[in-house]
C-alpha atoms as a PDB file:
ATOM      1  CA  MET A   1     -11.459   9.599  -5.555  1.00  0.00           C
ATOM      2  CA  SER A   2      -8.236  11.554  -5.257  1.00  0.00           C
ATOM      3  CA  ILE A   3      -4.929  10.662  -6.872  1.00  0.00           C
ATOM      4  CA  GLU A   4      -3.533   9.644  -3.491  1.00  0.00           C
ATOM      5  CA  GLU A   5      -6.443   7.279  -2.896  1.00  0.00           C
ATOM      6  CA  ARG A   6      -5.967   5.724  -6.324  1.00  0.00           C
ATOM      7  CA  ARG A   7      -2.285   5.206  -5.617  1.00  0.00           C
ATOM      8  CA  ILE A   8      -3.092   3.550  -2.306  1.00  0.00           C
ATOM      9  CA  ASP A   9      -5.558   1.234  -4.071  1.00  0.00           C
ATOM     10  CA  ARG A  10      -2.849   0.268  -6.558  1.00  0.00           C
ATOM     11  CA  LEU A  11      -0.466  -0.474  -3.692  1.00  0.00           C
ATOM     12  CA  TYR A  12      -3.101  -2.716  -2.067  1.00  0.00           C
ATOM     13  CA  LYS A  13      -3.436  -4.649  -5.339  1.00  0.00           C
ATOM     14  CA  LEU A  14       0.326  -5.052  -5.527  1.00  0.00           C
ATOM     15  CA  LEU A  15       0.403  -6.145  -1.886  1.00  0.00           C
ATOM     16  CA  HIS A  16      -2.141  -8.891  -2.564  1.00  0.00           C
ATOM     17  CA  GLN A  17      -0.041 -10.117  -5.499  1.00  0.00           C
ATOM     18  CA  VAL A  18       3.220 -10.437  -3.543  1.00  0.00           C
ATOM     19  CA  GLU A  19       2.225 -11.234   0.032  1.00  0.00           C
ATOM     20  CA  ARG A  20       2.452 -15.035  -0.259  1.00  0.00           C
ATOM     21  CA  ASN A  21       5.684 -15.232  -2.243  1.00  0.00           C
ATOM     22  CA  ASP A  22       7.617 -12.283  -0.839  1.00  0.00           C
ATOM     23  CA  PRO A  23       6.856 -11.457   2.804  1.00  0.00           C
ATOM     24  CA  ASP A  24       9.606  -8.832   3.011  1.00  0.00           C
ATOM     25  CA  THR A  25       8.186  -6.836   0.112  1.00  0.00           C
ATOM     26  CA  ALA A  26       4.693  -7.261   1.541  1.00  0.00           C
ATOM     27  CA  ALA A  27       5.857  -5.831   4.865  1.00  0.00           C
ATOM     28  CA  ALA A  28       7.431  -2.837   3.129  1.00  0.00           C
ATOM     29  CA  LEU A  29       4.252  -2.249   1.138  1.00  0.00           C
ATOM     30  CA  ARG A  30       2.123  -2.426   4.293  1.00  0.00           C
ATOM     31  CA  TRP A  31       4.316   0.204   5.910  1.00  0.00           C
ATOM     32  CA  ALA A  32       4.179   2.431   2.809  1.00  0.00           C
ATOM     33  CA  ILE A  33       0.396   2.111   2.648  1.00  0.00           C
ATOM     34  CA  PHE A  34       0.117   2.941   6.344  1.00  0.00           C
ATOM     35  CA  GLU A  35       2.254   6.052   5.942  1.00  0.00           C
ATOM     36  CA  LEU A  36       0.392   7.231   2.832  1.00  0.00           C
ATOM     37  CA  GLU A  37      -2.989   6.751   4.479  1.00  0.00           C
ATOM     38  CA  ARG A  38      -1.764   8.761   7.466  1.00  0.00           C
ATOM     39  CA  MET A  39      -0.611  11.573   5.189  1.00  0.00           C
ATOM     40  CA  VAL A  40      -3.867  11.616   3.205  1.00  0.00           C
ATOM     41  CA  LYS A  41      -6.040  11.706   6.321  1.00  0.00           C
ATOM     42  CA  GLY A  42      -3.775  13.896   8.334  1.00  0.00           C
END
């Protein structure tokens, strides 16, 4: 697993922690994860 993939996994964990209490932060994290996954695959 690459460093980028590990970072994305950590962001997913953070997303799951905040998504119920802070929808704005969750939305920002989803966008960041989307962009990082695009960069890693692209």
